[in-house]
N, C-alpha and C. Protein backbone atom coordinates (compact mmCIF):
# COMPACT_ATOMS: atom_id res chain seq x y z
N MET A 1 -7.84 -1.22 -40.54
CA MET A 1 -7.27 -1.55 -39.25
C MET A 1 -5.90 -0.90 -39.16
N ARG A 2 -5.65 -0.22 -38.02
CA ARG A 2 -4.34 0.36 -37.78
C ARG A 2 -3.41 -0.73 -37.31
N THR A 3 -2.12 -0.50 -37.42
CA THR A 3 -1.15 -1.50 -36.96
C THR A 3 -0.60 -1.05 -35.61
N PHE A 4 -0.08 -2.02 -34.86
CA PHE A 4 0.53 -1.72 -33.57
C PHE A 4 1.61 -2.74 -33.31
N SER A 5 2.60 -2.36 -32.48
CA SER A 5 3.73 -3.25 -32.19
C SER A 5 3.34 -4.26 -31.14
N VAL A 6 3.35 -5.51 -31.51
CA VAL A 6 3.05 -6.59 -30.58
C VAL A 6 3.75 -7.85 -31.04
N CYS A 7 3.75 -8.83 -30.17
CA CYS A 7 4.24 -10.16 -30.53
C CYS A 7 3.02 -10.98 -30.92
N LEU A 8 2.92 -11.42 -32.15
CA LEU A 8 1.79 -12.23 -32.56
C LEU A 8 1.90 -13.62 -31.98
N VAL A 9 0.81 -14.13 -31.49
CA VAL A 9 0.80 -15.47 -30.92
C VAL A 9 0.03 -16.38 -31.87
N VAL A 10 -1.24 -16.13 -32.05
CA VAL A 10 -2.06 -16.82 -33.04
C VAL A 10 -3.02 -15.79 -33.59
N ALA A 11 -3.69 -16.13 -34.66
CA ALA A 11 -4.63 -15.18 -35.26
C ALA A 11 -5.60 -14.68 -34.20
N MET A 12 -5.80 -13.38 -34.15
CA MET A 12 -6.73 -12.70 -33.27
C MET A 12 -6.31 -12.71 -31.79
N THR A 13 -5.10 -13.08 -31.46
CA THR A 13 -4.63 -12.96 -30.08
C THR A 13 -3.26 -12.33 -30.08
N TRP A 14 -2.93 -11.60 -29.03
CA TRP A 14 -1.62 -11.00 -28.94
C TRP A 14 -1.29 -10.69 -27.50
N LEU A 15 -0.01 -10.50 -27.28
CA LEU A 15 0.49 -10.11 -25.97
C LEU A 15 1.17 -8.76 -26.09
N PRO A 16 1.01 -7.87 -25.12
CA PRO A 16 1.73 -6.61 -25.17
C PRO A 16 3.23 -6.86 -24.99
N LEU A 17 4.01 -5.92 -25.48
CA LEU A 17 5.45 -6.02 -25.31
C LEU A 17 5.78 -6.09 -23.83
N GLY A 18 6.81 -6.82 -23.49
CA GLY A 18 7.23 -6.91 -22.11
C GLY A 18 6.75 -8.16 -21.40
N VAL A 19 5.91 -8.96 -22.03
CA VAL A 19 5.46 -10.20 -21.41
C VAL A 19 6.55 -11.24 -21.57
N ASP A 20 6.81 -12.04 -20.53
CA ASP A 20 7.92 -12.98 -20.60
C ASP A 20 7.71 -14.03 -21.70
N SER A 21 8.80 -14.59 -22.18
CA SER A 21 8.76 -15.48 -23.34
C SER A 21 8.03 -16.78 -23.04
N GLN A 22 8.05 -17.25 -21.79
CA GLN A 22 7.33 -18.47 -21.47
C GLN A 22 5.84 -18.25 -21.67
N ALA A 23 5.32 -17.10 -21.25
CA ALA A 23 3.90 -16.79 -21.43
C ALA A 23 3.58 -16.62 -22.91
N ALA A 24 4.54 -16.15 -23.70
CA ALA A 24 4.31 -15.94 -25.13
C ALA A 24 4.08 -17.25 -25.86
N ASP A 25 4.48 -18.38 -25.25
CA ASP A 25 4.24 -19.68 -25.87
C ASP A 25 2.77 -20.08 -25.80
N GLU A 26 2.03 -19.49 -24.88
CA GLU A 26 0.62 -19.81 -24.71
C GLU A 26 -0.23 -18.73 -25.36
N PRO A 27 -1.23 -19.12 -26.14
CA PRO A 27 -2.10 -18.10 -26.74
C PRO A 27 -2.95 -17.42 -25.66
N VAL A 28 -3.21 -16.14 -25.85
CA VAL A 28 -4.09 -15.41 -24.95
C VAL A 28 -5.50 -15.59 -25.49
N VAL A 29 -6.35 -16.20 -24.68
CA VAL A 29 -7.73 -16.43 -25.09
C VAL A 29 -8.66 -15.86 -24.04
N SER A 30 -9.81 -15.43 -24.50
CA SER A 30 -10.79 -14.84 -23.60
C SER A 30 -11.31 -15.86 -22.61
N PRO A 31 -11.39 -15.49 -21.33
CA PRO A 31 -12.01 -16.40 -20.37
C PRO A 31 -13.50 -16.58 -20.67
N ASN A 32 -14.08 -15.71 -21.47
CA ASN A 32 -15.49 -15.76 -21.84
C ASN A 32 -15.72 -16.35 -23.23
N ARG A 33 -14.73 -17.05 -23.76
CA ARG A 33 -14.82 -17.53 -25.14
C ARG A 33 -16.03 -18.42 -25.39
N GLN A 34 -16.57 -19.08 -24.36
CA GLN A 34 -17.74 -19.95 -24.52
C GLN A 34 -19.06 -19.21 -24.32
N VAL A 35 -19.00 -17.93 -23.95
CA VAL A 35 -20.20 -17.13 -23.69
C VAL A 35 -20.58 -16.39 -24.97
N PRO A 36 -21.86 -16.42 -25.36
CA PRO A 36 -22.26 -15.67 -26.56
C PRO A 36 -21.81 -14.21 -26.47
N HIS A 37 -21.20 -13.72 -27.52
CA HIS A 37 -20.71 -12.33 -27.62
C HIS A 37 -19.75 -11.97 -26.49
N LEU A 38 -19.07 -12.95 -25.93
CA LEU A 38 -18.15 -12.76 -24.80
C LEU A 38 -18.84 -12.13 -23.60
N GLY A 39 -20.16 -12.15 -23.58
CA GLY A 39 -20.93 -11.52 -22.51
C GLY A 39 -21.16 -10.04 -22.76
N LEU A 40 -20.69 -9.53 -23.89
CA LEU A 40 -20.83 -8.10 -24.20
C LEU A 40 -22.09 -7.88 -25.03
N HIS A 41 -23.20 -8.06 -24.36
CA HIS A 41 -24.51 -7.83 -24.96
C HIS A 41 -25.43 -7.41 -23.82
N GLY A 42 -25.91 -6.18 -23.87
CA GLY A 42 -26.76 -5.67 -22.81
C GLY A 42 -26.23 -4.35 -22.27
N SER A 43 -26.84 -3.90 -21.18
CA SER A 43 -26.50 -2.60 -20.58
C SER A 43 -25.67 -2.80 -19.31
N PHE A 44 -24.71 -1.91 -19.15
CA PHE A 44 -23.85 -1.91 -17.97
C PHE A 44 -23.76 -0.47 -17.47
N THR A 45 -23.85 -0.29 -16.16
CA THR A 45 -23.79 1.05 -15.57
C THR A 45 -22.64 1.11 -14.56
N ILE A 46 -22.06 2.30 -14.47
CA ILE A 46 -20.93 2.50 -13.56
C ILE A 46 -21.38 2.20 -12.13
N ASP A 47 -20.54 1.54 -11.38
CA ASP A 47 -20.85 1.21 -9.99
C ASP A 47 -20.68 2.48 -9.16
N PRO A 48 -21.78 3.04 -8.63
CA PRO A 48 -21.67 4.30 -7.89
C PRO A 48 -20.89 4.20 -6.60
N SER A 49 -20.67 2.99 -6.09
CA SER A 49 -19.91 2.84 -4.84
C SER A 49 -18.40 2.85 -5.08
N GLU A 50 -17.97 2.79 -6.33
CA GLU A 50 -16.55 2.78 -6.68
C GLU A 50 -16.07 4.19 -7.00
N ILE A 51 -14.81 4.48 -6.71
CA ILE A 51 -14.24 5.80 -7.02
C ILE A 51 -14.25 6.06 -8.52
N SER A 52 -14.26 4.99 -9.33
CA SER A 52 -14.28 5.15 -10.78
C SER A 52 -15.54 5.87 -11.25
N ALA A 53 -16.59 5.91 -10.43
CA ALA A 53 -17.81 6.63 -10.79
C ALA A 53 -17.55 8.14 -10.86
N LYS A 54 -16.50 8.60 -10.19
CA LYS A 54 -16.15 10.03 -10.20
C LYS A 54 -15.10 10.37 -11.26
N ASP A 55 -14.59 9.36 -11.94
CA ASP A 55 -13.55 9.56 -12.96
C ASP A 55 -14.20 10.05 -14.26
N PRO A 56 -13.87 11.27 -14.72
CA PRO A 56 -14.52 11.81 -15.91
C PRO A 56 -14.23 11.03 -17.20
N ARG A 57 -13.26 10.14 -17.19
CA ARG A 57 -12.98 9.32 -18.38
C ARG A 57 -14.07 8.28 -18.61
N ASN A 58 -14.84 7.96 -17.59
CA ASN A 58 -15.80 6.87 -17.66
C ASN A 58 -17.20 7.34 -18.02
N PRO A 59 -17.77 6.81 -19.11
CA PRO A 59 -19.19 7.06 -19.34
C PRO A 59 -19.97 6.40 -18.20
N THR A 60 -21.15 6.88 -17.91
CA THR A 60 -21.94 6.33 -16.82
C THR A 60 -22.65 5.05 -17.21
N ARG A 61 -23.03 4.96 -18.47
CA ARG A 61 -23.75 3.79 -18.97
C ARG A 61 -23.16 3.38 -20.32
N VAL A 62 -23.05 2.06 -20.53
CA VAL A 62 -22.58 1.53 -21.80
C VAL A 62 -23.57 0.45 -22.23
N VAL A 63 -23.95 0.50 -23.50
CA VAL A 63 -24.86 -0.52 -24.04
C VAL A 63 -24.13 -1.22 -25.17
N PHE A 64 -24.04 -2.55 -25.05
CA PHE A 64 -23.39 -3.37 -26.08
C PHE A 64 -24.48 -4.14 -26.82
N ARG A 65 -24.39 -4.17 -28.13
CA ARG A 65 -25.28 -5.03 -28.92
C ARG A 65 -24.41 -6.04 -29.65
N GLU A 66 -24.50 -7.27 -29.20
CA GLU A 66 -23.80 -8.39 -29.81
C GLU A 66 -22.31 -8.14 -30.02
N MET A 67 -21.70 -7.48 -29.05
CA MET A 67 -20.27 -7.17 -29.01
C MET A 67 -19.78 -6.47 -30.27
N GLU A 68 -20.69 -5.79 -30.96
CA GLU A 68 -20.35 -5.13 -32.22
C GLU A 68 -20.76 -3.66 -32.27
N ILE A 69 -21.91 -3.33 -31.69
CA ILE A 69 -22.41 -1.96 -31.71
C ILE A 69 -22.45 -1.47 -30.27
N PHE A 70 -21.74 -0.36 -30.02
CA PHE A 70 -21.61 0.17 -28.67
C PHE A 70 -22.20 1.58 -28.61
N SER A 71 -22.88 1.87 -27.50
CA SER A 71 -23.39 3.22 -27.23
C SER A 71 -22.98 3.61 -25.82
N PHE A 72 -22.67 4.89 -25.65
CA PHE A 72 -22.13 5.39 -24.40
C PHE A 72 -22.97 6.58 -23.93
N TYR A 73 -23.25 6.64 -22.63
CA TYR A 73 -24.13 7.66 -22.07
C TYR A 73 -23.51 8.30 -20.84
N ASP A 74 -23.93 9.55 -20.59
CA ASP A 74 -23.41 10.31 -19.47
C ASP A 74 -24.32 10.22 -18.25
N ASP A 75 -25.36 9.36 -18.31
CA ASP A 75 -26.27 9.20 -17.20
C ASP A 75 -26.67 7.73 -17.06
N GLN A 76 -27.14 7.35 -15.90
CA GLN A 76 -27.51 5.95 -15.61
C GLN A 76 -28.66 5.46 -16.50
N GLU A 77 -29.60 6.33 -16.83
CA GLU A 77 -30.80 5.93 -17.56
C GLU A 77 -30.61 5.85 -19.06
N GLY A 78 -29.56 6.46 -19.59
CA GLY A 78 -29.33 6.45 -21.02
C GLY A 78 -30.07 7.55 -21.77
N ASN A 79 -30.30 8.68 -21.10
CA ASN A 79 -30.98 9.81 -21.73
C ASN A 79 -30.02 10.86 -22.28
N MET A 80 -28.73 10.78 -21.88
CA MET A 80 -27.74 11.78 -22.29
C MET A 80 -26.62 11.09 -23.08
N PRO A 81 -26.83 10.90 -24.38
CA PRO A 81 -25.83 10.16 -25.17
C PRO A 81 -24.51 10.92 -25.33
N LEU A 82 -23.43 10.18 -25.20
CA LEU A 82 -22.10 10.69 -25.55
C LEU A 82 -21.76 10.27 -26.97
N ALA A 83 -22.10 9.03 -27.31
CA ALA A 83 -21.90 8.48 -28.66
C ALA A 83 -22.81 7.25 -28.78
N GLN A 84 -23.50 7.15 -29.90
CA GLN A 84 -24.44 6.04 -30.08
C GLN A 84 -24.17 5.31 -31.39
N GLY A 85 -24.44 4.02 -31.37
CA GLY A 85 -24.35 3.22 -32.59
C GLY A 85 -22.94 3.11 -33.15
N CYS A 86 -21.96 3.13 -32.29
CA CYS A 86 -20.57 3.03 -32.73
C CYS A 86 -20.28 1.56 -33.06
N ARG A 87 -19.94 1.29 -34.28
CA ARG A 87 -19.67 -0.09 -34.71
C ARG A 87 -18.18 -0.34 -34.58
N SER A 88 -17.85 -1.40 -33.86
CA SER A 88 -16.45 -1.73 -33.61
C SER A 88 -16.16 -3.16 -34.01
N ALA A 89 -14.92 -3.41 -34.39
CA ALA A 89 -14.47 -4.75 -34.75
C ALA A 89 -13.65 -5.33 -33.61
N TYR A 90 -13.87 -6.61 -33.35
CA TYR A 90 -13.10 -7.32 -32.33
C TYR A 90 -11.71 -7.59 -32.88
N GLU A 91 -10.68 -7.18 -32.14
CA GLU A 91 -9.29 -7.31 -32.58
C GLU A 91 -8.52 -8.37 -31.81
N GLY A 92 -9.18 -9.09 -30.91
CA GLY A 92 -8.51 -10.16 -30.18
C GLY A 92 -8.41 -9.89 -28.69
N ALA A 93 -7.61 -10.70 -28.03
CA ALA A 93 -7.46 -10.63 -26.58
C ALA A 93 -6.00 -10.33 -26.23
N ALA A 94 -5.80 -9.67 -25.10
CA ALA A 94 -4.46 -9.36 -24.62
C ALA A 94 -4.42 -9.54 -23.11
N GLY A 95 -3.34 -10.10 -22.63
CA GLY A 95 -3.15 -10.23 -21.19
C GLY A 95 -2.87 -8.88 -20.56
N ASP A 96 -3.39 -8.68 -19.36
CA ASP A 96 -3.13 -7.45 -18.63
C ASP A 96 -1.65 -7.40 -18.27
N PRO A 97 -0.95 -6.30 -18.59
CA PRO A 97 0.50 -6.23 -18.36
C PRO A 97 0.92 -6.36 -16.90
N PHE A 98 0.04 -6.04 -15.96
CA PHE A 98 0.41 -6.16 -14.55
C PHE A 98 0.06 -7.54 -13.99
N TYR A 99 -1.11 -8.06 -14.32
CA TYR A 99 -1.61 -9.29 -13.71
C TYR A 99 -1.32 -10.56 -14.49
N TYR A 100 -1.29 -10.49 -15.81
CA TYR A 100 -1.20 -11.70 -16.64
C TYR A 100 0.24 -12.03 -16.99
N PRO A 101 0.67 -13.25 -16.94
CA PRO A 101 -0.02 -14.45 -16.47
C PRO A 101 0.33 -14.82 -15.04
N GLU A 102 1.36 -14.17 -14.46
CA GLU A 102 1.85 -14.60 -13.14
C GLU A 102 0.80 -14.48 -12.05
N LYS A 103 0.08 -13.38 -12.00
CA LYS A 103 -0.87 -13.15 -10.91
C LYS A 103 -2.26 -13.67 -11.24
N SER A 104 -2.62 -13.67 -12.52
CA SER A 104 -3.95 -14.14 -12.91
C SER A 104 -4.00 -14.43 -14.41
N LYS A 105 -4.21 -15.69 -14.76
CA LYS A 105 -4.36 -16.05 -16.17
C LYS A 105 -5.72 -15.62 -16.71
N ALA A 106 -6.64 -15.23 -15.84
CA ALA A 106 -7.96 -14.76 -16.27
C ALA A 106 -7.99 -13.26 -16.51
N SER A 107 -6.89 -12.57 -16.23
CA SER A 107 -6.85 -11.12 -16.40
C SER A 107 -6.57 -10.78 -17.87
N ILE A 108 -7.63 -10.86 -18.66
CA ILE A 108 -7.55 -10.70 -20.11
C ILE A 108 -8.42 -9.52 -20.55
N TRP A 109 -7.88 -8.70 -21.41
CA TRP A 109 -8.63 -7.59 -22.01
C TRP A 109 -9.06 -7.99 -23.41
N GLU A 110 -10.30 -7.65 -23.77
CA GLU A 110 -10.81 -7.83 -25.12
C GLU A 110 -10.61 -6.49 -25.84
N LEU A 111 -10.11 -6.53 -27.07
CA LEU A 111 -9.74 -5.31 -27.80
C LEU A 111 -10.73 -5.04 -28.93
N PHE A 112 -11.18 -3.80 -29.02
CA PHE A 112 -12.12 -3.39 -30.06
C PHE A 112 -11.65 -2.10 -30.70
N GLU A 113 -11.82 -2.02 -32.01
CA GLU A 113 -11.45 -0.82 -32.75
C GLU A 113 -12.65 -0.32 -33.52
N LEU A 114 -12.90 0.97 -33.45
CA LEU A 114 -14.02 1.60 -34.15
C LEU A 114 -13.87 1.41 -35.66
N THR A 115 -14.94 0.98 -36.31
CA THR A 115 -14.92 0.85 -37.77
C THR A 115 -15.89 1.82 -38.42
N VAL A 116 -17.03 2.09 -37.78
CA VAL A 116 -18.04 2.99 -38.34
C VAL A 116 -18.69 3.75 -37.19
N GLY A 117 -18.85 5.05 -37.39
CA GLY A 117 -19.53 5.86 -36.39
C GLY A 117 -19.32 7.32 -36.68
N ASP A 118 -20.19 8.15 -36.11
CA ASP A 118 -20.05 9.59 -36.33
C ASP A 118 -18.88 10.13 -35.51
N SER A 119 -18.67 11.42 -35.55
CA SER A 119 -17.50 12.01 -34.89
C SER A 119 -17.52 11.79 -33.38
N ALA A 120 -18.69 11.68 -32.76
CA ALA A 120 -18.75 11.42 -31.32
C ALA A 120 -18.14 10.07 -30.98
N CYS A 121 -18.24 9.11 -31.89
CA CYS A 121 -17.69 7.77 -31.66
C CYS A 121 -16.17 7.76 -31.63
N GLU A 122 -15.53 8.78 -32.21
CA GLU A 122 -14.07 8.80 -32.28
C GLU A 122 -13.41 8.83 -30.90
N ARG A 123 -14.13 9.34 -29.90
CA ARG A 123 -13.60 9.30 -28.52
C ARG A 123 -13.37 7.85 -28.10
N PHE A 124 -14.13 6.94 -28.67
CA PHE A 124 -14.06 5.52 -28.33
C PHE A 124 -13.43 4.70 -29.46
N MET A 125 -12.46 5.31 -30.14
CA MET A 125 -11.77 4.67 -31.27
C MET A 125 -11.19 3.31 -30.86
N ASP A 126 -10.50 3.30 -29.75
CA ASP A 126 -9.93 2.07 -29.20
C ASP A 126 -10.61 1.81 -27.87
N LEU A 127 -11.06 0.59 -27.69
CA LEU A 127 -11.78 0.22 -26.49
C LEU A 127 -11.22 -1.12 -26.02
N ILE A 128 -10.87 -1.18 -24.74
CA ILE A 128 -10.46 -2.46 -24.16
C ILE A 128 -11.43 -2.76 -23.01
N VAL A 129 -11.83 -4.03 -22.92
CA VAL A 129 -12.84 -4.43 -21.95
C VAL A 129 -12.41 -5.72 -21.27
N ARG A 130 -12.46 -5.73 -19.95
CA ARG A 130 -12.37 -6.99 -19.21
C ARG A 130 -13.80 -7.50 -19.21
N ALA A 131 -14.07 -8.53 -19.98
CA ALA A 131 -15.42 -9.05 -20.18
C ALA A 131 -16.11 -9.35 -18.85
N PRO A 132 -17.44 -9.38 -18.85
CA PRO A 132 -18.19 -9.61 -17.61
C PRO A 132 -17.70 -10.83 -16.85
N HIS A 133 -17.54 -10.63 -15.54
CA HIS A 133 -17.04 -11.67 -14.65
C HIS A 133 -17.43 -11.34 -13.22
N GLY A 134 -17.19 -12.26 -12.32
CA GLY A 134 -17.34 -11.99 -10.89
C GLY A 134 -18.76 -12.09 -10.36
N ASN A 135 -18.85 -11.84 -9.05
CA ASN A 135 -20.13 -11.83 -8.38
C ASN A 135 -20.12 -10.67 -7.39
N PRO A 136 -20.83 -9.60 -7.65
CA PRO A 136 -21.80 -9.44 -8.73
C PRO A 136 -21.12 -9.30 -10.09
N VAL A 137 -21.86 -9.64 -11.13
CA VAL A 137 -21.33 -9.57 -12.49
C VAL A 137 -20.98 -8.13 -12.82
N HIS A 138 -19.74 -7.93 -13.28
CA HIS A 138 -19.27 -6.59 -13.63
C HIS A 138 -18.22 -6.71 -14.72
N LEU A 139 -17.85 -5.57 -15.30
CA LEU A 139 -16.76 -5.51 -16.27
C LEU A 139 -15.94 -4.28 -16.01
N HIS A 140 -14.78 -4.22 -16.66
CA HIS A 140 -13.90 -3.05 -16.60
C HIS A 140 -13.69 -2.59 -18.03
N MET A 141 -13.49 -1.30 -18.22
CA MET A 141 -13.36 -0.76 -19.57
C MET A 141 -12.44 0.46 -19.57
N ARG A 142 -11.68 0.59 -20.64
CA ARG A 142 -10.89 1.80 -20.91
C ARG A 142 -11.10 2.14 -22.37
N ASP A 143 -11.10 3.43 -22.67
CA ASP A 143 -11.29 3.85 -24.05
C ASP A 143 -10.31 4.96 -24.40
N GLY A 144 -10.12 5.14 -25.70
CA GLY A 144 -9.23 6.19 -26.17
C GLY A 144 -9.55 6.61 -27.58
N GLY A 145 -9.21 7.84 -27.90
CA GLY A 145 -9.44 8.39 -29.23
C GLY A 145 -8.38 7.98 -30.23
N PRO A 146 -8.36 8.67 -31.39
CA PRO A 146 -7.47 8.28 -32.48
C PRO A 146 -5.99 8.19 -32.11
N ALA A 147 -5.53 8.97 -31.15
CA ALA A 147 -4.11 8.96 -30.79
C ALA A 147 -3.82 7.97 -29.67
N SER A 148 -4.79 7.23 -29.25
CA SER A 148 -4.66 6.36 -28.10
C SER A 148 -3.85 5.10 -28.37
N GLY A 149 -4.46 4.12 -28.97
CA GLY A 149 -3.80 2.83 -29.23
C GLY A 149 -3.97 1.86 -28.09
N PHE A 150 -4.01 0.58 -28.44
CA PHE A 150 -4.19 -0.48 -27.46
C PHE A 150 -3.02 -0.53 -26.47
N GLU A 151 -1.81 -0.36 -26.95
CA GLU A 151 -0.65 -0.44 -26.05
C GLU A 151 -0.73 0.58 -24.93
N ARG A 152 -1.14 1.80 -25.26
CA ARG A 152 -1.25 2.85 -24.25
C ARG A 152 -2.33 2.51 -23.22
N LEU A 153 -3.48 2.03 -23.70
CA LEU A 153 -4.56 1.68 -22.78
C LEU A 153 -4.16 0.51 -21.88
N LEU A 154 -3.50 -0.47 -22.44
CA LEU A 154 -3.05 -1.62 -21.65
C LEU A 154 -1.97 -1.22 -20.65
N SER A 155 -1.08 -0.34 -21.07
CA SER A 155 0.06 0.03 -20.21
C SER A 155 -0.37 0.74 -18.93
N MET A 156 -1.59 1.26 -18.90
CA MET A 156 -2.07 1.91 -17.68
C MET A 156 -2.10 0.94 -16.50
N SER A 157 -2.18 -0.34 -16.77
CA SER A 157 -2.17 -1.34 -15.70
C SER A 157 -0.81 -1.43 -15.03
N GLN A 158 0.24 -1.05 -15.73
CA GLN A 158 1.59 -1.17 -15.18
C GLN A 158 1.87 -0.19 -14.06
N GLU A 159 0.90 0.69 -13.79
CA GLU A 159 1.05 1.61 -12.67
C GLU A 159 0.89 0.89 -11.34
N GLY A 160 0.51 -0.38 -11.40
CA GLY A 160 0.39 -1.17 -10.17
C GLY A 160 -0.95 -1.84 -10.08
N PRO A 161 -1.21 -2.51 -8.94
CA PRO A 161 -2.49 -3.19 -8.78
C PRO A 161 -3.63 -2.20 -8.66
N GLU A 162 -4.82 -2.69 -8.90
CA GLU A 162 -6.01 -1.84 -8.74
C GLU A 162 -6.03 -1.29 -7.33
N ASP A 163 -6.24 0.01 -7.22
CA ASP A 163 -6.33 0.67 -5.92
C ASP A 163 -7.70 1.32 -5.84
N LYS A 164 -8.59 0.77 -5.05
CA LYS A 164 -9.97 1.23 -4.99
C LYS A 164 -10.11 2.61 -4.35
N THR A 165 -9.01 3.21 -3.91
CA THR A 165 -9.07 4.56 -3.32
C THR A 165 -8.62 5.63 -4.31
N LYS A 166 -8.16 5.22 -5.51
CA LYS A 166 -7.63 6.16 -6.49
C LYS A 166 -8.18 5.84 -7.88
N VAL A 167 -8.22 6.86 -8.76
CA VAL A 167 -8.68 6.61 -10.12
C VAL A 167 -7.57 6.05 -11.01
N ASN A 168 -6.32 6.08 -10.52
CA ASN A 168 -5.23 5.47 -11.28
C ASN A 168 -4.57 4.40 -10.44
N PRO A 169 -4.25 3.25 -11.01
CA PRO A 169 -4.47 2.92 -12.41
C PRO A 169 -5.97 2.84 -12.73
N TRP A 170 -6.28 3.08 -14.01
CA TRP A 170 -7.66 3.22 -14.49
C TRP A 170 -8.38 1.88 -14.48
N TRP A 171 -9.24 1.67 -13.47
CA TRP A 171 -10.02 0.43 -13.34
C TRP A 171 -11.49 0.79 -13.13
N SER A 172 -12.17 1.16 -14.19
CA SER A 172 -13.60 1.43 -14.07
C SER A 172 -14.34 0.14 -13.74
N VAL A 173 -15.46 0.26 -13.05
CA VAL A 173 -16.26 -0.90 -12.68
C VAL A 173 -17.69 -0.65 -13.14
N TYR A 174 -18.17 -1.52 -14.04
CA TYR A 174 -19.53 -1.43 -14.58
C TYR A 174 -20.31 -2.66 -14.17
N CYS A 175 -21.52 -2.44 -13.67
CA CYS A 175 -22.41 -3.52 -13.24
C CYS A 175 -23.31 -3.94 -14.38
N ALA A 176 -23.59 -5.23 -14.46
CA ALA A 176 -24.56 -5.73 -15.42
C ALA A 176 -25.94 -5.28 -14.96
N GLU A 177 -26.59 -4.46 -15.76
CA GLU A 177 -27.88 -3.89 -15.36
C GLU A 177 -28.91 -4.99 -15.11
N GLY A 178 -29.56 -4.91 -13.96
CA GLY A 178 -30.59 -5.86 -13.60
C GLY A 178 -30.08 -7.20 -13.12
N LYS A 179 -28.75 -7.38 -13.09
CA LYS A 179 -28.19 -8.67 -12.68
C LYS A 179 -27.34 -8.55 -11.42
N SER A 180 -27.28 -7.36 -10.86
CA SER A 180 -26.49 -7.17 -9.64
C SER A 180 -27.10 -6.04 -8.85
N GLU A 181 -26.73 -5.97 -7.60
CA GLU A 181 -27.25 -4.91 -6.74
C GLU A 181 -26.49 -3.59 -6.91
N CYS A 182 -25.30 -3.65 -7.52
CA CYS A 182 -24.49 -2.43 -7.56
C CYS A 182 -24.97 -1.45 -8.63
N ASP A 183 -25.98 -1.81 -9.42
CA ASP A 183 -26.48 -0.87 -10.44
C ASP A 183 -27.67 -0.06 -9.96
N LYS A 184 -27.95 -0.08 -8.69
CA LYS A 184 -29.11 0.64 -8.15
C LYS A 184 -28.72 2.00 -7.67
């Protein structure tokens, strides 16, 4: 496990630098903590109605197996693999630097770090995910290679609120396959 600068709150939870001290008194916990695998089990496809579908940083399809093994594809059907069978370790939860906690206590990112995988998996060395939520059920995801780091991925939120007309700040939208209309 690589190290990173953060304020430790409790084991497996952390807040990015810059979060006010009152919020630091409360542990950051996943809003999906009662859901098996935090809801990260199954296939999710990029929402074609969102501008994030045109953002080249976003794989088109992501398959999670028990929040531990991730595969990424360049097509909706999963025929064009970018990286498969990437094994990642859960590193805890972090509040979104723009929204948490003042604007939304539910704006929590789940942090994953690659532990085993071939060279294609290195593109997804660090992965942050807003676990499945909403109606229709969807998630948000950002990824980065070896030089990335969780702080850098999280800091992209500080560019301001999500703007559905622009790819920045980076807010990809993935639909739960077969559980929403936006994956058609």
